[in-house]
Amino acid sequence: MPQLNPAPWFAILVFSWLIFLIFLPPKVMAHTFPNEPAHQSAKKTMTEPWTWPWH
């Protein structure tokens, strides 16, 4: 029964994890966003209460 022979499946497991852990993280971390998030100012704007026209 070839399913019980762990030799080729263990090698596939190890090589796939090597790809995931060595080659993919630098590619993912090299991704940059086109627009950097801007900081909002700490000053709060004062808003006027809304006067309801039917009141």
Protein backbone atom coordinates (compact mmCIF):
# COMPACT_ATOMS: atom_id res chain seq x y z
CA MET A 1 0.00 0.00 0.00
CA PRO A 2 1.80 3.17 -1.15
CA GLN A 3 -0.16 5.41 1.24
CA LEU A 4 1.80 4.02 4.16
CA ASN A 5 5.20 4.97 2.71
CA PRO A 6 5.95 8.40 4.25
CA ALA A 7 9.13 9.12 2.29
CA PRO A 8 7.76 10.99 -0.76
CA TRP A 9 4.96 12.71 1.17
CA PHE A 10 7.28 13.97 3.88
CA ALA A 11 9.61 15.45 1.25
CA ILE A 12 6.67 17.16 -0.44
CA LEU A 13 5.55 18.54 2.92
CA VAL A 14 9.02 19.85 3.76
CA PHE A 15 9.57 21.47 0.36
CA SER A 16 6.16 23.09 0.33
CA TRP A 17 6.78 24.57 3.80
CA LEU A 18 10.19 25.79 2.66
CA ILE A 19 8.51 27.61 -0.21
CA PHE A 20 5.91 29.09 2.12
CA LEU A 21 8.43 30.19 4.75
CA ILE A 22 11.38 31.31 2.63
CA PHE A 23 10.16 32.59 -0.72
CA LEU A 24 6.68 33.95 -0.11
CA PRO A 25 7.12 36.27 2.94
CA PRO A 26 9.60 38.63 1.20
CA LYS A 27 7.23 38.91 -1.75
CA VAL A 28 4.30 39.68 0.52
CA MET A 29 6.27 42.14 2.66
CA ALA A 30 7.54 43.97 -0.44
CA HIS A 31 3.98 44.95 -1.31
CA THR A 32 3.37 48.66 -0.88
CA PHE A 33 0.08 50.50 -0.80
CA PRO A 34 -0.34 53.26 -3.38
CA ASN A 35 -1.76 55.69 -0.81
CA GLU A 36 -0.25 55.94 2.62
CA PRO A 37 -2.82 56.59 5.36
CA ALA A 38 -2.93 60.22 6.43
CA HIS A 39 -3.10 61.24 10.08
CA GLN A 40 -6.22 63.07 11.09
CA SER A 41 -5.74 66.27 13.00
CA ALA A 42 -6.34 66.20 16.75
CA LYS A 43 -8.30 69.46 16.60
CA LYS A 44 -12.04 68.81 16.78
CA THR A 45 -14.28 70.91 14.57
CA MET A 46 -17.16 72.64 16.29
CA THR A 47 -20.46 71.94 14.59
CA GLU A 48 -23.58 74.04 14.81
CA PRO A 49 -26.84 72.40 15.85
CA TRP A 50 -29.20 71.82 12.98
CA THR A 51 -32.25 74.07 13.01
CA TRP A 52 -35.18 72.05 11.79
CA PRO A 53 -37.25 74.04 9.29
CA TRP A 54 -40.62 72.58 10.39
CA HIS A 55 -40.12 73.35 14.06
